[in-house]
Amino acid sequence: MPEVPIHPDIQQTVARLKQTANGKYLLSGLTFNKYGNRSNAIGKRFGRLKTELGYGPDYVFHSLRRAFSTQLENAGVERTTVARLMGHELADQTFGGYSDGLHFEKLQQAISHISFKGTASLP
């Protein structure tokens, strides 16, 4: 199982989720769809939460991924690092075929550029 760097701002939340998790998933209680994945359940849970918080239809689950990649790009983080953090496959032979990946410390350093404090406001 790959190691995933955790941003300092959510370390306490992740620790709490790990204590309550059952099985191999950090987020418990999500159902699988007919294709065997849980993304629909996560998307629906996110949709209900953001609506309860007053966010409109412009904010969708992938808004988090978009904001994440935008902040890393603006911080000058290398494309291959961003791709690896986002779980994207590297198709080129140099990094996709030969590289064993980045050192954990490099991934941790990259996510330290992320800050969602004050980046969005309620409509």
PDB file of N, CA and C in Angstrom:
ATOM      1  N   MET A   1       0.846  -1.180   0.000  1.00  0.00           N
ATOM      2  CA  MET A   1       0.000   0.000   0.000  1.00  0.00           C
ATOM      3  C   MET A   1       0.889   1.240   0.000  1.00  0.00           C
ATOM      4  N   PRO A   2       0.612   2.214  -0.878  1.00  0.00           N
ATOM      5  CA  PRO A   2       1.465   3.402  -0.950  1.00  0.00           C
ATOM      6  C   PRO A   2       1.289   4.291   0.277  1.00  0.00           C
ATOM      7  N   GLU A   3       2.362   4.969   0.629  1.00  0.00           N
ATOM      8  CA  GLU A   3       2.281   5.954   1.705  1.00  0.00           C
ATOM      9  C   GLU A   3       1.731   7.243   1.126  1.00  0.00           C
ATOM     10  N   VAL A   4       0.841   7.874   1.877  1.00  0.00           N
ATOM     11  CA  VAL A   4       0.224   9.117   1.435  1.00  0.00           C
ATOM     12  C   VAL A   4       0.560  10.207   2.434  1.00  0.00           C
ATOM     13  N   PRO A   5       1.166  11.304   1.982  1.00  0.00           N
ATOM     14  CA  PRO A   5       1.469  12.385   2.915  1.00  0.00           C
ATOM     15  C   PRO A   5       0.183  13.074   3.372  1.00  0.00           C
ATOM     16  N   ILE A   6       0.134  13.421   4.638  1.00  0.00           N
ATOM     17  CA  ILE A   6      -1.038  14.077   5.217  1.00  0.00           C
ATOM     18  C   ILE A   6      -0.673  15.514   5.543  1.00  0.00           C
ATOM     19  N   HIS A   7      -1.487  16.447   5.069  1.00  0.00           N
ATOM     20  CA  HIS A   7      -1.250  17.858   5.348  1.00  0.00           C
ATOM     21  C   HIS A   7      -1.393  18.102   6.849  1.00  0.00           C
ATOM     22  N   PRO A   8      -0.520  18.929   7.427  1.00  0.00           N
ATOM     23  CA  PRO A   8      -0.579  19.183   8.872  1.00  0.00           C
ATOM     24  C   PRO A   8      -1.947  19.662   9.368  1.00  0.00           C
ATOM     25  N   ASP A   9      -2.666  20.409   8.540  1.00  0.00           N
ATOM     26  CA  ASP A   9      -3.965  20.946   8.965  1.00  0.00           C
ATOM     27  C   ASP A   9      -5.031  19.872   9.157  1.00  0.00           C
ATOM     28  N   ILE A  10      -4.839  18.687   8.588  1.00  0.00           N
ATOM     29  CA  ILE A  10      -5.870  17.644   8.730  1.00  0.00           C
ATOM     30  C   ILE A  10      -5.355  16.396   9.448  1.00  0.00           C
ATOM     31  N   GLN A  11      -4.178  16.475  10.040  1.00  0.00           N
ATOM     32  CA  GLN A  11      -3.615  15.308  10.716  1.00  0.00           C
ATOM     33  C   GLN A  11      -4.505  14.812  11.852  1.00  0.00           C
ATOM     34  N   GLN A  12      -5.082  15.719  12.634  1.00  0.00           N
ATOM     35  CA  GLN A  12      -5.955  15.302  13.733  1.00  0.00           C
ATOM     36  C   GLN A  12      -7.211  14.628  13.201  1.00  0.00           C
ATOM     37  N   THR A  13      -7.776  15.156  12.135  1.00  0.00           N
ATOM     38  CA  THR A  13      -8.974  14.565  11.538  1.00  0.00           C
ATOM     39  C   THR A  13      -8.676  13.168  11.010  1.00  0.00           C
ATOM     40  N   VAL A  14      -7.551  13.020  10.331  1.00  0.00           N
ATOM     41  CA  VAL A  14      -7.177  11.711   9.798  1.00  0.00           C
ATOM     42  C   VAL A  14      -6.943  10.718  10.932  1.00  0.00           C
ATOM     43  N   ALA A  15      -6.314  11.157  12.007  1.00  0.00           N
ATOM     44  CA  ALA A  15      -6.084  10.266  13.157  1.00  0.00           C
ATOM     45  C   ALA A  15      -7.421   9.805  13.741  1.00  0.00           C
ATOM     46  N   ARG A  16      -8.394  10.720  13.852  1.00  0.00           N
ATOM     47  CA  ARG A  16      -9.718  10.366  14.365  1.00  0.00           C
ATOM     48  C   ARG A  16     -10.410   9.387  13.429  1.00  0.00           C
ATOM     49  N   LEU A  17     -10.340   9.622  12.130  1.00  0.00           N
ATOM     50  CA  LEU A  17     -10.958   8.717  11.158  1.00  0.00           C
ATOM     51  C   LEU A  17     -10.317   7.337  11.198  1.00  0.00           C
ATOM     52  N   LYS A  18      -9.009   7.287  11.393  1.00  0.00           N
ATOM     53  CA  LYS A  18      -8.325   5.997  11.484  1.00  0.00           C
ATOM     54  C   LYS A  18      -8.814   5.193  12.687  1.00  0.00           C
ATOM     55  N   GLN A  19      -9.112   5.881  13.782  1.00  0.00           N
ATOM     56  CA  GLN A  19      -9.598   5.198  14.986  1.00  0.00           C
ATOM     57  C   GLN A  19     -10.991   4.613  14.789  1.00  0.00           C
ATOM     58  N   THR A  20     -11.811   5.270  13.977  1.00  0.00           N
ATOM     59  CA  THR A  20     -13.192   4.811  13.785  1.00  0.00           C
ATOM     60  C   THR A  20     -13.372   3.981  12.525  1.00  0.00           C
ATOM     61  N   ALA A  21     -12.330   3.904  11.710  1.00  0.00           N
ATOM     62  CA  ALA A  21     -12.434   3.165  10.441  1.00  0.00           C
ATOM     63  C   ALA A  21     -12.549   1.671  10.701  1.00  0.00           C
ATOM     64  N   ASN A  22     -13.379   1.029   9.909  1.00  0.00           N
ATOM     65  CA  ASN A  22     -13.431  -0.430   9.960  1.00  0.00           C
ATOM     66  C   ASN A  22     -13.033  -0.941   8.581  1.00  0.00           C
ATOM     67  N   GLY A  23     -12.141  -1.864   8.558  1.00  0.00           N
ATOM     68  CA  GLY A  23     -11.655  -2.359   7.279  1.00  0.00           C
ATOM     69  C   GLY A  23     -10.477  -1.554   6.783  1.00  0.00           C
ATOM     70  N   LYS A  24     -10.326  -1.498   5.469  1.00  0.00           N
ATOM     71  CA  LYS A  24      -9.151  -0.859   4.878  1.00  0.00           C
ATOM     72  C   LYS A  24      -9.373   0.576   4.428  1.00  0.00           C
ATOM     73  N   TYR A  25     -10.573   1.127   4.649  1.00  0.00           N
ATOM     74  CA  TYR A  25     -10.879   2.470   4.170  1.00  0.00           C
ATOM     75  C   TYR A  25     -10.928   3.478   5.312  1.00  0.00           C
ATOM     76  N   LEU A  26     -10.407   4.660   5.049  1.00  0.00           N
ATOM     77  CA  LEU A  26     -10.427   5.734   6.033  1.00  0.00           C
ATOM     78  C   LEU A  26     -11.850   6.230   6.273  1.00  0.00           C
ATOM     79  N   LEU A  27     -12.644   6.317   5.209  1.00  0.00           N
ATOM     80  CA  LEU A  27     -14.046   6.728   5.325  1.00  0.00           C
ATOM     81  C   LEU A  27     -14.918   5.483   5.341  1.00  0.00           C
ATOM     82  N   SER A  28     -15.475   5.196   6.501  1.00  0.00           N
ATOM     83  CA  SER A  28     -16.298   3.994   6.661  1.00  0.00           C
ATOM     84  C   SER A  28     -17.737   4.269   6.246  1.00  0.00           C
ATOM     85  N   GLY A  29     -18.459   3.208   5.996  1.00  0.00           N
ATOM     86  CA  GLY A  29     -19.889   3.310   5.754  1.00  0.00           C
ATOM     87  C   GLY A  29     -20.294   3.733   4.355  1.00  0.00           C
ATOM     88  N   LEU A  30     -19.374   3.762   3.420  1.00  0.00           N
ATOM     89  CA  LEU A  30     -19.712   4.116   2.047  1.00  0.00           C
ATOM     90  C   LEU A  30     -20.043   2.847   1.274  1.00  0.00           C
ATOM     91  N   THR A  31     -21.068   2.912   0.460  1.00  0.00           N
ATOM     92  CA  THR A  31     -21.483   1.734  -0.289  1.00  0.00           C
ATOM     93  C   THR A  31     -20.757   1.661  -1.629  1.00  0.00           C
ATOM     94  N   PHE A  32     -20.658   0.452  -2.138  1.00  0.00           N
ATOM     95  CA  PHE A  32     -20.059   0.217  -3.448  1.00  0.00           C
ATOM     96  C   PHE A  32     -21.148   0.264  -4.508  1.00  0.00           C
ATOM     97  N   ASN A  33     -20.819   0.795  -5.684  1.00  0.00           N
ATOM     98  CA  ASN A  33     -21.777   0.760  -6.789  1.00  0.00           C
ATOM     99  C   ASN A  33     -21.614  -0.554  -7.556  1.00  0.00           C
ATOM    100  N   LYS A  34     -22.328  -0.699  -8.644  1.00  0.00           N
ATOM    101  CA  LYS A  34     -22.282  -1.962  -9.393  1.00  0.00           C
ATOM    102  C   LYS A  34     -20.925  -2.239 -10.029  1.00  0.00           C
ATOM    103  N   TYR A  35     -20.070  -1.221 -10.102  1.00  0.00           N
ATOM    104  CA  TYR A  35     -18.731  -1.395 -10.674  1.00  0.00           C
ATOM    105  C   TYR A  35     -17.679  -1.657  -9.594  1.00  0.00           C
ATOM    106  N   GLY A  36     -18.122  -1.704  -8.349  1.00  0.00           N
ATOM    107  CA  GLY A  36     -17.213  -2.013  -7.257  1.00  0.00           C
ATOM    108  C   GLY A  36     -16.422  -0.838  -6.723  1.00  0.00           C
ATOM    109  N   ASN A  37     -16.837   0.397  -7.037  1.00  0.00           N
ATOM    110  CA  ASN A  37     -16.133   1.534  -6.450  1.00  0.00           C
ATOM    111  C   ASN A  37     -17.073   2.346  -5.561  1.00  0.00           C
ATOM    112  N   ARG A  38     -16.484   3.219  -4.764  1.00  0.00           N
ATOM    113  CA  ARG A  38     -17.243   3.980  -3.770  1.00  0.00           C
ATOM    114  C   ARG A  38     -17.341   5.460  -4.109  1.00  0.00           C
ATOM    115  N   SER A  39     -16.930   5.864  -5.304  1.00  0.00           N
ATOM    116  CA  SER A  39     -16.886   7.282  -5.637  1.00  0.00           C
ATOM    117  C   SER A  39     -18.264   7.932  -5.647  1.00  0.00           C
ATOM    118  N   ASN A  40     -19.286   7.218  -6.079  1.00  0.00           N
ATOM    119  CA  ASN A  40     -20.640   7.801  -6.071  1.00  0.00           C
ATOM    120  C   ASN A  40     -21.069   8.164  -4.660  1.00  0.00           C
ATOM    121  N   ALA A  41     -20.797   7.277  -3.710  1.00  0.00           N
ATOM    122  CA  ALA A  41     -21.186   7.523  -2.327  1.00  0.00           C
ATOM    123  C   ALA A  41     -20.445   8.730  -1.754  1.00  0.00           C
ATOM    124  N   ILE A  42     -19.171   8.858  -2.071  1.00  0.00           N
ATOM    125  CA  ILE A  42     -18.392  10.002  -1.590  1.00  0.00           C
ATOM    126  C   ILE A  42     -18.922  11.292  -2.216  1.00  0.00           C
ATOM    127  N   GLY A  43     -19.194  11.256  -3.518  1.00  0.00           N
ATOM    128  CA  GLY A  43     -19.719  12.429  -4.206  1.00  0.00           C
ATOM    129  C   GLY A  43     -21.063  12.872  -3.639  1.00  0.00           C
ATOM    130  N   LYS A  44     -21.925  11.924  -3.341  1.00  0.00           N
ATOM    131  CA  LYS A  44     -23.241  12.261  -2.773  1.00  0.00           C
ATOM    132  C   LYS A  44     -23.097  12.836  -1.370  1.00  0.00           C
ATOM    133  N   ARG A  45     -22.218  12.243  -0.577  1.00  0.00           N
ATOM    134  CA  ARG A  45     -21.998  12.746   0.781  1.00  0.00           C
ATOM    135  C   ARG A  45     -21.452  14.174   0.722  1.00  0.00           C
ATOM    136  N   PHE A  46     -20.506  14.410  -0.185  1.00  0.00           N
ATOM    137  CA  PHE A  46     -19.948  15.749  -0.364  1.00  0.00           C
ATOM    138  C   PHE A  46     -21.045  16.721  -0.792  1.00  0.00           C
ATOM    139  N   GLY A  47     -21.886  16.312  -1.739  1.00  0.00           N
ATOM    140  CA  GLY A  47     -22.955  17.177  -2.232  1.00  0.00           C
ATOM    141  C   GLY A  47     -23.914  17.608  -1.128  1.00  0.00           C
ATOM    142  N   ARG A  48     -24.288  16.670  -0.279  1.00  0.00           N
ATOM    143  CA  ARG A  48     -25.189  17.005   0.833  1.00  0.00           C
ATOM    144  C   ARG A  48     -24.518  17.977   1.801  1.00  0.00           C
ATOM    145  N   LEU A  49     -23.255  17.729   2.122  1.00  0.00           N
ATOM    146  CA  LEU A  49     -22.541  18.591   3.054  1.00  0.00           C
ATOM    147  C   LEU A  49     -22.384  20.001   2.508  1.00  0.00           C
ATOM    148  N   LYS A  50     -21.960  20.126   1.271  1.00  0.00           N
ATOM    149  CA  LYS A  50     -21.733  21.474   0.720  1.00  0.00           C
ATOM    150  C   LYS A  50     -23.037  22.237   0.594  1.00  0.00           C
ATOM    151  N   THR A  51     -24.148  21.551   0.322  1.00  0.00           N
ATOM    152  CA  THR A  51     -25.456  22.213   0.264  1.00  0.00           C
ATOM    153  C   THR A  51     -25.856  22.692   1.652  1.00  0.00           C
ATOM    154  N   GLU A  52     -25.657  21.851   2.666  1.00  0.00           N
ATOM    155  CA  GLU A  52     -25.960  22.239   4.047  1.00  0.00           C
ATOM    156  C   GLU A  52     -25.149  23.456   4.473  1.00  0.00           C
ATOM    157  N   LEU A  53     -23.938  23.584   3.956  1.00  0.00           N
ATOM    158  CA  LEU A  53     -23.067  24.712   4.296  1.00  0.00           C
ATOM    159  C   LEU A  53     -23.363  25.964   3.473  1.00  0.00           C
ATOM    160  N   GLY A  54     -24.299  25.859   2.519  1.00  0.00           N
ATOM    161  CA  GLY A  54     -24.700  27.024   1.751  1.00  0.00           C
ATOM    162  C   GLY A  54     -23.979  27.228   0.434  1.00  0.00           C
ATOM    163  N   TYR A  55     -23.201  26.254  -0.002  1.00  0.00           N
ATOM    164  CA  TYR A  55     -22.512  26.364  -1.288  1.00  0.00           C
ATOM    165  C   TYR A  55     -23.450  25.938  -2.403  1.00  0.00           C
ATOM    166  N   GLY A  56     -23.383  26.640  -3.524  1.00  0.00           N
ATOM    167  CA  GLY A  56     -24.274  26.377  -4.647  1.00  0.00           C
ATOM    168  C   GLY A  56     -23.731  25.350  -5.621  1.00  0.00           C
ATOM    169  N   PRO A  57     -24.363  25.262  -6.782  1.00  0.00           N
ATOM    170  CA  PRO A  57     -24.013  24.243  -7.768  1.00  0.00           C
ATOM    171  C   PRO A  57     -22.647  24.432  -8.430  1.00  0.00           C
ATOM    172  N   ASP A  58     -22.031  25.588  -8.258  1.00  0.00           N
ATOM    173  CA  ASP A  58     -20.702  25.803  -8.843  1.00  0.00           C
ATOM    174  C   ASP A  58     -19.619  25.002  -8.127  1.00  0.00           C
ATOM    175  N   TYR A  59     -19.907  24.582  -6.902  1.00  0.00           N
ATOM    176  CA  TYR A  59     -18.944  23.793  -6.130  1.00  0.00           C
ATOM    177  C   TYR A  59     -19.321  22.328  -6.222  1.00  0.00           C
ATOM    178  N   VAL A  60     -18.420  21.541  -6.800  1.00  0.00           N
ATOM    179  CA  VAL A  60     -18.634  20.101  -6.944  1.00  0.00           C
ATOM    180  C   VAL A  60     -17.430  19.392  -6.330  1.00  0.00           C
ATOM    181  N   PHE A  61     -17.529  18.073  -6.204  1.00  0.00           N
ATOM    182  CA  PHE A  61     -16.454  17.304  -5.574  1.00  0.00           C
ATOM    183  C   PHE A  61     -15.113  17.558  -6.255  1.00  0.00           C
ATOM    184  N   HIS A  62     -15.096  17.638  -7.566  1.00  0.00           N
ATOM    185  CA  HIS A  62     -13.835  17.852  -8.277  1.00  0.00           C
ATOM    186  C   HIS A  62     -13.296  19.270  -8.123  1.00  0.00           C
ATOM    187  N   SER A  63     -14.084  20.178  -7.533  1.00  0.00           N
ATOM    188  CA  SER A  63     -13.569  21.512  -7.222  1.00  0.00           C
ATOM    189  C   SER A  63     -12.380  21.407  -6.270  1.00  0.00           C
ATOM    190  N   LEU A  64     -12.404  20.417  -5.372  1.00  0.00           N
ATOM    191  CA  LEU A  64     -11.287  20.208  -4.444  1.00  0.00           C
ATOM    192  C   LEU A  64     -10.023  19.818  -5.204  1.00  0.00           C
ATOM    193  N   ARG A  65     -10.162  18.917  -6.177  1.00  0.00           N
ATOM    194  CA  ARG A  65      -9.012  18.494  -6.981  1.00  0.00           C
ATOM    195  C   ARG A  65      -8.485  19.654  -7.823  1.00  0.00           C
ATOM    196  N   ARG A  66      -9.398  20.434  -8.371  1.00  0.00           N
ATOM    197  CA  ARG A  66      -9.006  21.586  -9.188  1.00  0.00           C
ATOM    198  C   ARG A  66      -8.234  22.599  -8.336  1.00  0.00           C
ATOM    199  N   ALA A  67      -8.743  22.895  -7.141  1.00  0.00           N
ATOM    200  CA  ALA A  67      -8.074  23.848  -6.250  1.00  0.00           C
ATOM    201  C   ALA A  67      -6.715  23.316  -5.813  1.00  0.00           C
ATOM    202  N   PHE A  68      -6.648  22.017  -5.526  1.00  0.00           N
ATOM    203  CA  PHE A  68      -5.398  21.370  -5.116  1.00  0.00           C
ATOM    204  C   PHE A  68      -4.343  21.519  -6.213  1.00  0.00           C
ATOM    205  N   SER A  69      -4.691  21.156  -7.435  1.00  0.00           N
ATOM    206  CA  SER A  69      -3.716  21.224  -8.526  1.00  0.00           C
ATOM    207  C   SER A  69      -3.344  22.670  -8.848  1.00  0.00           C
ATOM    208  N   THR A  70      -4.298  23.590  -8.758  1.00  0.00           N
ATOM    209  CA  THR A  70      -4.021  25.003  -9.038  1.00  0.00           C
ATOM    210  C   THR A  70      -3.037  25.575  -8.029  1.00  0.00           C
ATOM    211  N   GLN A  71      -3.248  25.262  -6.742  1.00  0.00           N
ATOM    212  CA  GLN A  71      -2.326  25.785  -5.729  1.00  0.00           C
ATOM    213  C   GLN A  71      -0.913  25.221  -5.910  1.00  0.00           C
ATOM    214  N   LEU A  72      -0.822  23.948  -6.245  1.00  0.00           N
ATOM    215  CA  LEU A  72       0.501  23.358  -6.458  1.00  0.00           C
ATOM    216  C   LEU A  72       1.182  23.952  -7.687  1.00  0.00           C
ATOM    217  N   GLU A  73       0.410  24.165  -8.737  1.00  0.00           N
ATOM    218  CA  GLU A  73       0.984  24.779  -9.942  1.00  0.00           C
ATOM    219  C   GLU A  73       1.487  26.188  -9.633  1.00  0.00           C
ATOM    220  N   ASN A  74       0.681  26.969  -8.918  1.00  0.00           N
ATOM    221  CA  ASN A  74       1.076  28.336  -8.584  1.00  0.00           C
ATOM    222  C   ASN A  74       2.268  28.385  -7.627  1.00  0.00           C
ATOM    223  N   ALA A  75       2.478  27.314  -6.877  1.00  0.00           N
ATOM    224  CA  ALA A  75       3.636  27.241  -5.985  1.00  0.00           C
ATOM    225  C   ALA A  75       4.887  26.764  -6.713  1.00  0.00           C
ATOM    226  N   GLY A  76       4.743  26.432  -8.006  1.00  0.00           N
ATOM    227  CA  GLY A  76       5.894  26.002  -8.794  1.00  0.00           C
ATOM    228  C   GLY A  76       6.271  24.539  -8.591  1.00  0.00           C
ATOM    229  N   VAL A  77       5.342  23.729  -8.074  1.00  0.00           N
ATOM    230  CA  VAL A  77       5.627  22.303  -7.880  1.00  0.00           C
ATOM    231  C   VAL A  77       5.667  21.626  -9.248  1.00  0.00           C
ATOM    232  N   GLU A  78       6.632  20.752  -9.442  1.00  0.00           N
ATOM    233  CA  GLU A  78       6.811  20.077 -10.733  1.00  0.00           C
ATOM    234  C   GLU A  78       5.572  19.267 -11.118  1.00  0.00           C
ATOM    235  N   ARG A  79       5.324  19.207 -12.417  1.00  0.00           N
ATOM    236  CA  ARG A  79       4.149  18.496 -12.949  1.00  0.00           C
ATOM    237  C   ARG A  79       4.104  17.032 -12.521  1.00  0.00           C
ATOM    238  N   THR A  80       5.257  16.367 -12.548  1.00  0.00           N
ATOM    239  CA  THR A  80       5.262  14.953 -12.180  1.00  0.00           C
ATOM    240  C   THR A  80       4.908  14.765 -10.709  1.00  0.00           C
ATOM    241  N   THR A  81       5.318  15.700  -9.871  1.00  0.00           N
ATOM    242  CA  THR A  81       4.983  15.628  -8.448  1.00  0.00           C
ATOM    243  C   THR A  81       3.487  15.801  -8.255  1.00  0.00           C
ATOM    244  N   VAL A  82       2.900  16.786  -8.935  1.00  0.00           N
ATOM    245  CA  VAL A  82       1.456  17.017  -8.841  1.00  0.00           C
ATOM    246  C   VAL A  82       0.696  15.791  -9.341  1.00  0.00           C
ATOM    247  N   ALA A  83       1.137  15.239 -10.460  1.00  0.00           N
ATOM    248  CA  ALA A  83       0.468  14.059 -11.021  1.00  0.00           C
ATOM    249  C   ALA A  83       0.496  12.902 -10.033  1.00  0.00           C
ATOM    250  N   ARG A  84       1.630  12.670  -9.409  1.00  0.00           N
ATOM    251  CA  ARG A  84       1.729  11.570  -8.441  1.00  0.00           C
ATOM    252  C   ARG A  84       0.836  11.828  -7.228  1.00  0.00           C
ATOM    253  N   LEU A  85       0.798  13.056  -6.737  1.00  0.00           N
ATOM    254  CA  LEU A  85      -0.062  13.376  -5.594  1.00  0.00           C
ATOM    255  C   LEU A  85      -1.538  13.197  -5.923  1.00  0.00           C
ATOM    256  N   MET A  86      -1.901  13.436  -7.167  1.00  0.00           N
ATOM    257  CA  MET A  86      -3.304  13.326  -7.567  1.00  0.00           C
ATOM    258  C   MET A  86      -3.679  11.912  -7.993  1.00  0.00           C
ATOM    259  N   GLY A  87      -2.704  11.014  -7.976  1.00  0.00           N
ATOM    260  CA  GLY A  87      -2.990   9.634  -8.332  1.00  0.00           C
ATOM    261  C   GLY A  87      -3.047   9.372  -9.814  1.00  0.00           C
ATOM    262  N   HIS A  88      -2.493  10.285 -10.611  1.00  0.00           N
ATOM    263  CA  HIS A  88      -2.485  10.106 -12.058  1.00  0.00           C
ATOM    264  C   HIS A  88      -1.309   9.239 -12.480  1.00  0.00           C
ATOM    265  N   GLU A  89      -1.526   8.441 -13.483  1.00  0.00           N
ATOM    266  CA  GLU A  89      -0.452   7.616 -14.034  1.00  0.00           C
ATOM    267  C   GLU A  89       0.438   8.490 -14.903  1.00  0.00           C
ATOM    268  N   LEU A  90       1.718   8.212 -14.872  1.00  0.00           N
ATOM    269  CA  LEU A  90       2.659   8.915 -15.738  1.00  0.00           C
ATOM    270  C   LEU A  90       2.904   8.039 -16.956  1.00  0.00           C
ATOM    271  N   ALA A  91       2.511   8.531 -18.117  1.00  0.00           N
ATOM    272  CA  ALA A  91       2.525   7.721 -19.331  1.00  0.00           C
ATOM    273  C   ALA A  91       3.880   7.692 -20.032  1.00  0.00           C
ATOM    274  N   ASP A  92       4.744   8.648 -19.726  1.00  0.00           N
ATOM    275  CA  ASP A  92       6.018   8.668 -20.440  1.00  0.00           C
ATOM    276  C   ASP A  92       6.948   7.568 -19.924  1.00  0.00           C
ATOM    277  N   GLN A  93       7.901   7.210 -20.725  1.00  0.00           N
ATOM    278  CA  GLN A  93       8.795   6.114 -20.369  1.00  0.00           C
ATOM    279  C   GLN A  93       9.749   6.501 -19.242  1.00  0.00           C
ATOM    280  N   THR A  94      10.200   7.756 -19.238  1.00  0.00           N
ATOM    281  CA  THR A  94      11.184   8.181 -18.249  1.00  0.00           C
ATOM    282  C   THR A  94      10.655   8.029 -16.827  1.00  0.00           C
ATOM    283  N   PHE A  95       9.487   8.620 -16.550  1.00  0.00           N
ATOM    284  CA  PHE A  95       8.957   8.578 -15.192  1.00  0.00           C
ATOM    285  C   PHE A  95       7.917   7.469 -15.016  1.00  0.00           C
ATOM    286  N   GLY A  96       7.118   7.217 -16.030  1.00  0.00           N
ATOM    287  CA  GLY A  96       6.095   6.183 -15.933  1.00  0.00           C
ATOM    288  C   GLY A  96       6.653   4.778 -16.042  1.00  0.00           C
ATOM    289  N   GLY A  97       7.755   4.635 -16.756  1.00  0.00           N
ATOM    290  CA  GLY A  97       8.307   3.309 -16.978  1.00  0.00           C
ATOM    291  C   GLY A  97       9.487   2.958 -16.100  1.00  0.00           C
ATOM    292  N   TYR A  98      10.350   3.932 -15.825  1.00  0.00           N
ATOM    293  CA  TYR A  98      11.590   3.624 -15.121  1.00  0.00           C
ATOM    294  C   TYR A  98      11.636   4.105 -13.671  1.00  0.00           C
ATOM    295  N   SER A  99      10.962   5.180 -13.377  1.00  0.00           N
ATOM    296  CA  SER A  99      11.062   5.740 -12.030  1.00  0.00           C
ATOM    297  C   SER A  99      10.284   4.909 -11.009  1.00  0.00           C
ATOM    298  N   ASP A 100      10.844   4.790  -9.826  1.00  0.00           N
ATOM    299  CA  ASP A 100      10.159   4.127  -8.720  1.00  0.00           C
ATOM    300  C   ASP A 100       9.303   5.114  -7.920  1.00  0.00           C
ATOM    301  N   GLY A 101       9.269   6.372  -8.352  1.00  0.00           N
ATOM    302  CA  GLY A 101       8.453   7.372  -7.666  1.00  0.00           C
ATOM    303  C   GLY A 101       9.288   8.302  -6.814  1.00  0.00           C
ATOM    304  N   LEU A 102       8.604   9.259  -6.250  1.00  0.00           N
ATOM    305  CA  LEU A 102       9.265  10.275  -5.436  1.00  0.00           C
ATOM    306  C   LEU A 102       9.453   9.794  -4.010  1.00  0.00           C
ATOM    307  N   HIS A 103      10.466  10.338  -3.365  1.00  0.00           N
ATOM    308  CA  HIS A 103      10.649  10.079  -1.943  1.00  0.00           C
ATOM    309  C   HIS A 103       9.489  10.709  -1.185  1.00  0.00           C
ATOM    310  N   PHE A 104       9.094  10.071  -0.109  1.00  0.00           N
ATOM    311  CA  PHE A 104       7.970  10.531   0.699  1.00  0.00           C
ATOM    312  C   PHE A 104       8.169  11.983   1.146  1.00  0.00           C
ATOM    313  N   GLU A 105       9.384  12.336   1.510  1.00  0.00           N
ATOM    314  CA  GLU A 105       9.675  13.693   1.985  1.00  0.00           C
ATOM    315  C   GLU A 105       9.383  14.734   0.909  1.00  0.00           C
ATOM    316  N   LYS A 106       9.652  14.396  -0.344  1.00  0.00           N
ATOM    317  CA  LYS A 106       9.386  15.319  -1.463  1.00  0.00           C
ATOM    318  C   LYS A 106       7.879  15.541  -1.614  1.00  0.00           C
ATOM    319  N   LEU A 107       7.089  14.472  -1.456  1.00  0.00           N
ATOM    320  CA  LEU A 107       5.632  14.601  -1.530  1.00  0.00           C
ATOM    321  C   LEU A 107       5.105  15.444  -0.363  1.00  0.00           C
ATOM    322  N   GLN A 108       5.646  15.222   0.829  1.00  0.00           N
ATOM    323  CA  GLN A 108       5.238  16.012   1.994  1.00  0.00           C
ATOM    324  C   GLN A 108       5.556  17.482   1.786  1.00  0.00           C
ATOM    325  N   GLN A 109       6.721  17.755   1.240  1.00  0.00           N
ATOM    326  CA  GLN A 109       7.131  19.138   0.981  1.00  0.00           C
ATOM    327  C   GLN A 109       6.165  19.799  -0.001  1.00  0.00           C
ATOM    328  N   ALA A 110       5.760  19.070  -1.017  1.00  0.00           N
ATOM    329  CA  ALA A 110       4.856  19.631  -2.021  1.00  0.00           C
ATOM    330  C   ALA A 110       3.502  19.993  -1.423  1.00  0.00           C
ATOM    331  N   ILE A 111       2.932  19.106  -0.595  1.00  0.00           N
ATOM    332  CA  ILE A 111       1.604  19.425  -0.053  1.00  0.00           C
ATOM    333  C   ILE A 111       1.644  20.530   0.988  1.00  0.00           C
ATOM    334  N   SER A 112       2.832  20.865   1.478  1.00  0.00           N
ATOM    335  CA  SER A 112       2.923  21.967   2.442  1.00  0.00           C
ATOM    336  C   SER A 112       2.543  23.302   1.798  1.00  0.00           C
ATOM    337  N   HIS A 113       2.480  23.346   0.469  1.00  0.00           N
ATOM    338  CA  HIS A 113       2.092  24.570  -0.244  1.00  0.00           C
ATOM    339  C   HIS A 113       0.583  24.783  -0.271  1.00  0.00           C
ATOM    340  N   ILE A 114      -0.177  23.797   0.155  1.00  0.00           N
ATOM    341  CA  ILE A 114      -1.633  23.870   0.089  1.00  0.00           C
ATOM    342  C   ILE A 114      -2.181  24.616   1.298  1.00  0.00           C
ATOM    343  N   SER A 115      -3.088  25.565   1.027  1.00  0.00           N
ATOM    344  CA  SER A 115      -3.796  26.272   2.091  1.00  0.00           C
ATOM    345  C   SER A 115      -5.185  26.606   1.594  1.00  0.00           C
ATOM    346  N   PHE A 116      -6.186  26.117   2.307  1.00  0.00           N
ATOM    347  CA  PHE A 116      -7.554  26.433   1.937  1.00  0.00           C
ATOM    348  C   PHE A 116      -8.159  27.469   2.870  1.00  0.00           C
ATOM    349  N   LYS A 117      -7.358  28.051   3.716  1.00  0.00           N
ATOM    350  CA  LYS A 117      -7.845  29.084   4.632  1.00  0.00           C
ATOM    351  C   LYS A 117      -8.065  30.370   3.853  1.00  0.00           C
ATOM    352  N   GLY A 118      -9.300  30.811   3.841  1.00  0.00           N
ATOM    353  CA  GLY A 118      -9.621  32.077   3.189  1.00  0.00           C
ATOM    354  C   GLY A 118      -9.685  32.026   1.682  1.00  0.00           C
ATOM    355  N   THR A 119      -9.706  30.822   1.067  1.00  0.00           N
ATOM    356  CA  THR A 119      -9.722  30.750  -0.390  1.00  0.00           C
ATOM    357  C   THR A 119     -11.124  30.662  -0.963  1.00  0.00           C
ATOM    358  N   ALA A 120     -12.109  30.381  -0.125  1.00  0.00           N
ATOM    359  CA  ALA A 120     -13.484  30.300  -0.610  1.00  0.00           C
ATOM    360  C   ALA A 120     -14.394  30.942   0.410  1.00  0.00           C
ATOM    361  N   SER A 121     -15.445  31.557  -0.074  1.00  0.00           N
ATOM    362  CA  SER A 121     -16.405  32.147   0.846  1.00  0.00           C
ATOM    363  C   SER A 121     -17.797  31.656   0.497  1.00  0.00           C
ATOM    364  N   LEU A 122     -18.648  31.705   1.474  1.00  0.00           N
ATOM    365  CA  LEU A 122     -20.027  31.298   1.227  1.00  0.00           C
ATOM    366  C   LEU A 122     -20.689  32.267   0.282  1.00  0.00           C
ATOM    367  N   PRO A 123     -21.537  31.748  -0.613  1.00  0.00           N
ATOM    368  CA  PRO A 123     -22.219  32.640  -1.555  1.00  0.00           C
ATOM    369  C   PRO A 123     -23.162  33.585  -0.848  1.00  0.00           C
TER     370      PRO A 123
END
